[in-house]
Amino acid sequence: MKTKKRILAAVLIMALLTALTGCSTYPDVTIDLTTGEVRIGDQAAGDTQAKYNEAEPAGVKGELLYWSEDSAAAASIRDYVAEVTDINSDKYIPVEDRIAVFDMDGTLIGELYPSYFEYMMFIHRALHDDTFEAPDDMREFAEALEDGVYGGKVPDNSELLHAKYAGQAYAGMTVEEMRDYTRAFMQTEADGFTNLTKGDAFYWPMVSLVQYLADNDFTCYIVSGSSRTICREVIADWLPIPDNRVIGMSYSMLASGQGDTDGLEYVYSADDKVILGEDLIIKTIKMNKVSAISQEIGKVPVLS
């Protein structure tokens, strides 16, 4: 008799859930007929994520979230991942060759608040940071850059000029200090948006895509024209990409006690710290981005 009552109670619960969710398919419900405990899964039937699960081919792991259900692009991504992860497919790609590379600004995170994250942080450093006194030529460029990003026309050759002056602006910081500085700037408001910080201005569908690929054994990299150190901190809380898979604009690095001694002669000591130098090694844009991929990854990506 008790068992019948428990079954009846479970049926009533499922009926209520159907009425509340507006779905004819029941959620994941488990009934323990010994104790009468009814356990309900976290997701109700009809939930978008559950529909994604149903749509994914067997063998594909994870979910592609925040994309429209009728998105042709999302469908092509799912089909592609299903093919290249199916060992019986003629398009199968071994795990070690599943390399995907992503730009950061404008691809994973916004670049219109009102410009690139690193441009806005440099402007702040050169013009609005009371702890730093910019030299006259740096200040002059920063003022022109600020006028340009708000006025719609940045100075000519701004990419290389920014690379030059940004190196000078952060020179002497340890890597940890630079990341802390980046983290603090991430907490500032994204211009032109309400209730959004610069560090949270990610495109959620693209974040989901990176996770989806990682779930299916793709090795994902960031390959950005922005500073490698800045990129590492910006993505740290958002993407399953470790520091050693972030490629970006790079500067010289020195020991804190090195002074003008060449790195071929100076020996790092226990009291030293690694600090940022001001000499630009590479600005990873255009062909430089291709050469950096070749040098640092050593394989041609299958997705970019």
Protein backbone atom coordinates (compact mmCIF):
# COMPACT_ATOMS: atom_id res chain seq x y z
CA MET A 1 0.00 0.00 0.00
CA LYS A 2 2.84 2.41 0.87
CA THR A 3 4.52 1.63 -2.44
CA LYS A 4 1.34 2.49 -4.34
CA LYS A 5 1.08 5.78 -2.47
CA ARG A 6 4.69 6.61 -3.31
CA ILE A 7 4.14 5.86 -7.00
CA LEU A 8 0.97 7.96 -6.96
CA ALA A 9 2.89 10.83 -5.32
CA ALA A 10 5.58 10.61 -7.97
CA VAL A 11 3.00 10.67 -10.76
CA LEU A 12 1.41 13.77 -9.22
CA ILE A 13 4.83 15.46 -9.00
CA MET A 14 5.51 14.72 -12.66
CA ALA A 15 2.11 16.04 -13.62
CA LEU A 16 2.80 19.27 -11.73
CA LEU A 17 6.19 19.61 -13.40
CA THR A 18 4.60 19.12 -16.80
CA ALA A 19 2.11 21.87 -16.07
CA LEU A 20 4.80 24.24 -14.79
CA THR A 21 7.27 23.68 -17.63
CA GLY A 22 4.69 23.56 -20.37
CA CYS A 23 6.29 20.42 -21.80
CA SER A 24 4.84 17.04 -22.54
CA THR A 25 8.16 15.30 -21.86
CA TYR A 26 9.01 14.62 -18.23
CA PRO A 27 12.24 15.76 -16.61
CA ASP A 28 14.75 13.23 -15.38
CA VAL A 29 12.94 11.77 -12.34
CA THR A 30 14.26 8.94 -10.16
CA ILE A 31 11.94 7.25 -7.62
CA ASP A 32 13.30 5.16 -4.76
CA LEU A 33 10.36 2.87 -3.94
CA THR A 34 12.01 1.79 -0.69
CA THR A 35 12.31 5.23 0.85
CA GLY A 36 9.81 7.13 -1.25
CA GLU A 37 12.48 9.68 -2.20
CA VAL A 38 11.88 11.42 -5.49
CA ARG A 39 14.94 12.94 -7.18
CA ILE A 40 14.51 15.36 -10.07
CA GLY A 41 17.31 16.16 -12.54
CA ASP A 42 18.71 19.67 -12.75
CA GLN A 43 17.30 20.37 -16.22
CA ALA A 44 13.61 20.34 -17.14
CA ALA A 45 12.57 18.69 -20.39
CA GLY A 46 12.27 21.19 -23.18
CA ASP A 47 15.27 23.15 -21.91
CA THR A 48 17.43 24.52 -24.71
CA GLN A 49 20.50 22.68 -23.47
CA ALA A 50 18.64 19.37 -23.48
CA LYS A 51 17.60 19.99 -27.07
CA TYR A 52 21.22 20.61 -27.93
CA ASN A 53 22.11 17.27 -26.36
CA GLU A 54 19.50 15.50 -28.47
CA ALA A 55 20.81 17.18 -31.61
CA GLU A 56 24.45 16.27 -31.06
CA PRO A 57 25.74 13.17 -32.86
CA ALA A 58 26.80 10.20 -30.79
CA GLY A 59 30.35 10.50 -29.55
CA VAL A 60 30.46 14.29 -29.50
CA LYS A 61 31.01 15.69 -26.02
CA GLY A 62 29.85 18.93 -24.46
CA GLU A 63 27.29 21.48 -25.58
CA LEU A 64 27.37 24.42 -27.95
CA LEU A 65 25.43 27.02 -25.99
CA TYR A 66 24.11 30.52 -26.72
CA TRP A 67 23.77 29.85 -30.46
CA SER A 68 20.34 29.99 -32.11
CA GLU A 69 18.86 26.53 -32.51
CA ASP A 70 18.38 27.12 -36.23
CA SER A 71 21.87 28.58 -36.71
CA ALA A 72 23.48 27.24 -39.88
CA ALA A 73 26.92 28.11 -38.49
CA ALA A 74 26.27 26.15 -35.28
CA ALA A 75 25.00 23.19 -37.30
CA SER A 76 28.13 23.21 -39.46
CA ILE A 77 30.32 23.31 -36.34
CA ARG A 78 28.52 20.32 -34.84
CA ASP A 79 28.76 18.41 -38.12
CA TYR A 80 32.45 19.20 -38.45
CA VAL A 81 33.27 18.13 -34.89
CA ALA A 82 31.26 14.93 -35.34
CA GLU A 83 33.20 14.07 -38.50
CA VAL A 84 36.71 14.81 -37.28
CA THR A 85 36.22 13.00 -33.96
CA ASP A 86 34.72 9.85 -35.54
CA ILE A 87 37.54 7.36 -35.98
CA ASN A 88 35.56 5.63 -38.74
CA SER A 89 35.22 8.83 -40.76
CA ASP A 90 37.54 9.61 -43.67
CA LYS A 91 37.74 13.13 -42.18
CA TYR A 92 38.94 11.90 -38.78
CA ILE A 93 41.68 14.05 -37.23
CA PRO A 94 43.92 12.48 -34.56
CA VAL A 95 43.77 14.22 -31.20
CA GLU A 96 47.35 15.47 -31.46
CA ASP A 97 46.50 17.32 -34.69
CA ARG A 98 43.28 18.98 -33.49
CA ILE A 99 44.74 22.46 -33.22
CA ALA A 100 42.42 25.48 -33.10
CA VAL A 101 43.60 29.09 -32.88
CA PHE A 102 41.55 32.13 -31.94
CA ASP A 103 42.14 35.86 -32.12
CA MET A 104 41.10 37.68 -28.95
CA ASP A 105 39.91 41.24 -29.66
CA GLY A 106 36.77 41.28 -31.75
CA THR A 107 36.54 37.48 -31.78
CA LEU A 108 36.31 36.42 -28.14
CA ILE A 109 36.03 39.78 -26.41
CA GLY A 110 34.71 43.14 -27.54
CA GLU A 111 36.92 45.71 -29.22
CA LEU A 112 34.41 48.55 -29.41
CA TYR A 113 34.31 50.00 -25.90
CA PRO A 114 35.40 52.09 -27.71
CA SER A 115 38.59 50.33 -28.86
CA TYR A 116 40.93 47.45 -28.10
CA PHE A 117 41.37 46.56 -24.43
CA GLU A 118 45.12 47.19 -24.58
CA TYR A 119 44.66 50.57 -26.29
CA MET A 120 42.31 51.71 -23.54
CA MET A 121 44.62 50.42 -20.80
CA PHE A 122 47.60 52.22 -22.35
CA ILE A 123 45.60 55.47 -22.56
CA HIS A 124 44.71 55.09 -18.89
CA ARG A 125 48.34 54.38 -17.97
CA ALA A 126 49.80 57.31 -19.92
CA LEU A 127 47.14 59.94 -19.18
CA HIS A 128 45.07 59.03 -16.14
CA ASP A 129 47.26 56.96 -13.81
CA ASP A 130 48.50 59.16 -10.96
CA THR A 131 51.23 56.64 -10.12
CA PHE A 132 52.93 57.02 -13.50
CA GLU A 133 54.40 60.07 -15.19
CA ALA A 134 54.55 59.58 -18.94
CA PRO A 135 57.32 61.29 -20.91
CA ASP A 136 56.19 64.04 -23.26
CA ASP A 137 56.33 62.02 -26.50
CA MET A 138 54.35 59.15 -24.95
CA ARG A 139 51.75 61.56 -23.58
CA GLU A 140 51.44 63.28 -26.96
CA PHE A 141 50.75 59.96 -28.69
CA ALA A 142 48.35 58.81 -25.95
CA GLU A 143 46.35 62.04 -26.28
CA ALA A 144 46.15 61.61 -30.06
CA LEU A 145 45.12 57.97 -29.62
CA GLU A 146 42.45 58.86 -27.08
CA ASP A 147 41.05 61.55 -29.39
CA GLY A 148 41.11 59.05 -32.24
CA VAL A 149 39.31 56.18 -30.54
CA TYR A 150 36.53 58.49 -29.37
CA GLY A 151 36.49 60.52 -32.58
CA GLY A 152 36.61 57.62 -35.00
CA LYS A 153 40.06 58.07 -36.57
CA VAL A 154 43.16 56.83 -34.78
CA PRO A 155 46.59 58.25 -35.68
CA ASP A 156 48.50 56.85 -38.64
CA ASN A 157 50.78 53.95 -37.76
CA SER A 158 49.06 53.66 -34.38
CA GLU A 159 49.69 49.90 -34.09
CA LEU A 160 53.46 50.25 -34.12
CA LEU A 161 53.48 53.48 -32.12
CA HIS A 162 51.30 51.87 -29.47
CA ALA A 163 53.59 48.84 -29.38
CA LYS A 164 56.59 51.12 -28.84
CA TYR A 165 55.09 53.28 -26.10
CA ALA A 166 53.24 50.46 -24.33
CA GLY A 167 56.57 48.71 -23.87
CA GLN A 168 57.93 51.83 -22.20
CA ALA A 169 54.79 52.38 -20.12
CA TYR A 170 54.97 49.01 -18.36
CA ALA A 171 58.75 48.49 -18.34
CA GLY A 172 60.08 47.57 -14.91
CA MET A 173 56.92 45.82 -13.74
CA THR A 174 57.18 42.18 -12.76
CA VAL A 175 54.93 39.82 -14.69
CA GLU A 176 52.72 39.51 -11.61
CA GLU A 177 52.47 43.30 -11.25
CA MET A 178 51.52 43.63 -14.91
CA ARG A 179 48.82 41.00 -14.52
CA ASP A 180 47.52 42.70 -11.38
CA TYR A 181 47.42 46.02 -13.24
CA THR A 182 45.52 44.35 -16.08
CA ARG A 183 43.10 42.75 -13.62
CA ALA A 184 42.36 46.10 -12.01
CA PHE A 185 41.65 47.68 -15.39
CA MET A 186 39.37 44.78 -16.26
CA GLN A 187 37.11 45.87 -13.41
CA THR A 188 36.46 49.29 -14.96
CA GLU A 189 33.26 50.04 -16.85
CA ALA A 190 33.05 49.17 -20.53
CA ASP A 191 32.39 52.51 -22.24
CA GLY A 192 29.02 52.66 -23.96
CA PHE A 193 27.53 49.76 -21.99
CA THR A 194 25.48 49.52 -18.81
CA ASN A 195 26.42 47.15 -15.99
CA LEU A 196 29.33 45.65 -17.93
CA THR A 197 33.02 45.71 -17.09
CA LYS A 198 35.77 45.53 -19.68
CA GLY A 199 36.85 42.16 -18.32
CA ASP A 200 33.37 40.69 -18.70
CA ALA A 201 32.79 41.87 -22.28
CA PHE A 202 33.17 38.40 -23.77
CA TYR A 203 31.02 36.96 -26.55
CA TRP A 204 29.35 34.05 -24.79
CA PRO A 205 28.70 32.00 -27.95
CA MET A 206 32.42 32.14 -28.76
CA VAL A 207 33.39 31.24 -25.19
CA SER A 208 31.07 28.25 -25.51
CA LEU A 209 32.69 27.31 -28.84
CA VAL A 210 36.16 27.22 -27.28
CA GLN A 211 34.86 25.04 -24.44
CA TYR A 212 33.01 22.80 -26.90
CA LEU A 213 36.18 22.22 -28.89
CA ALA A 214 38.20 21.59 -25.73
CA ASP A 215 35.59 19.05 -24.61
CA ASN A 216 36.19 17.24 -27.91
CA ASP A 217 39.96 17.10 -27.46
CA PHE A 218 40.96 20.11 -29.52
CA THR A 219 44.01 21.99 -28.27
CA CYS A 220 43.01 25.65 -28.37
CA TYR A 221 45.36 28.63 -28.55
CA ILE A 222 44.99 32.39 -28.39
CA VAL A 223 46.99 34.11 -31.14
CA SER A 224 46.51 37.84 -30.71
CA GLY A 225 48.14 41.07 -31.74
CA SER A 226 47.67 42.26 -28.16
CA SER A 227 50.27 41.85 -25.43
CA ARG A 228 50.77 38.23 -24.43
CA THR A 229 50.86 39.14 -20.72
CA ILE A 230 47.64 41.16 -20.99
CA CYS A 231 45.89 38.39 -22.93
CA ARG A 232 46.81 35.79 -20.33
CA GLU A 233 45.12 37.75 -17.58
CA VAL A 234 42.09 38.82 -19.63
CA ILE A 235 41.11 35.24 -20.53
CA ALA A 236 42.12 33.59 -17.24
CA ASP A 237 38.61 33.30 -15.78
CA TRP A 238 36.81 32.65 -19.05
CA LEU A 239 38.55 30.15 -21.28
CA PRO A 240 40.09 26.68 -20.85
CA ILE A 241 43.37 27.90 -22.31
CA PRO A 242 46.49 27.84 -20.09
CA ASP A 243 49.18 30.53 -20.17
CA ASN A 244 51.51 28.44 -22.33
CA ARG A 245 48.92 28.44 -25.12
CA VAL A 246 48.64 32.22 -25.33
CA ILE A 247 50.64 33.80 -28.17
CA GLY A 248 50.77 37.56 -28.49
CA MET A 249 52.83 40.70 -28.81
CA SER A 250 56.00 40.15 -26.82
CA TYR A 251 58.66 42.33 -25.22
CA SER A 252 62.08 41.67 -23.77
CA MET A 253 62.29 40.41 -20.19
CA LEU A 254 65.11 41.11 -17.77
CA ALA A 255 66.28 40.26 -14.29
CA SER A 256 65.56 43.01 -11.78
CA GLY A 257 69.26 43.31 -10.96
CA GLN A 258 70.53 42.99 -14.51
CA GLY A 259 70.85 46.66 -15.41
CA ASP A 260 72.55 47.13 -18.79
CA THR A 261 74.35 43.78 -18.69
CA ASP A 262 73.57 41.59 -21.68
CA GLY A 263 71.53 38.47 -20.96
CA LEU A 264 74.33 36.37 -22.44
CA GLU A 265 76.53 37.48 -19.57
CA TYR A 266 74.19 38.07 -16.63
CA VAL A 267 73.43 35.15 -14.30
CA TYR A 268 70.03 35.19 -12.63
CA SER A 269 70.27 35.18 -8.82
CA ALA A 270 67.94 34.09 -6.03
CA ASP A 271 67.20 37.74 -5.22
CA ASP A 272 66.20 38.59 -8.79
CA LYS A 273 62.73 38.93 -10.21
CA VAL A 274 61.76 38.73 -13.87
CA ILE A 275 60.67 42.18 -15.04
CA LEU A 276 59.31 43.53 -18.30
CA GLY A 277 61.69 45.26 -20.67
CA GLU A 278 60.67 47.89 -23.21
CA ASP A 279 62.15 46.35 -26.35
CA LEU A 280 59.53 44.98 -28.73
CA ILE A 281 60.30 41.43 -29.88
CA ILE A 282 57.29 40.85 -32.12
CA LYS A 283 53.94 42.47 -32.89
CA THR A 284 51.83 39.44 -33.80
CA ILE A 285 49.71 40.79 -36.63
CA LYS A 286 49.48 39.85 -40.31
CA MET A 287 52.40 37.62 -41.41
CA ASN A 288 53.93 37.88 -37.93
CA LYS A 289 50.90 36.00 -36.62
CA VAL A 290 51.52 33.19 -39.12
CA SER A 291 55.21 32.97 -38.26
CA ALA A 292 54.42 32.92 -34.53
CA ILE A 293 52.03 30.00 -35.05
CA SER A 294 54.70 28.13 -37.00
CA GLN A 295 57.41 28.83 -34.43
CA GLU A 296 55.45 28.29 -31.22
CA ILE A 297 52.93 25.60 -32.18
CA GLY A 298 54.84 23.83 -34.94
CA LYS A 299 51.69 22.56 -36.65
CA VAL A 300 49.15 24.00 -39.04
CA PRO A 301 45.85 24.62 -37.19
CA VAL A 302 42.76 22.84 -38.50
CA LEU A 303 40.55 25.68 -37.22
CA SER A 304 41.34 29.38 -37.12
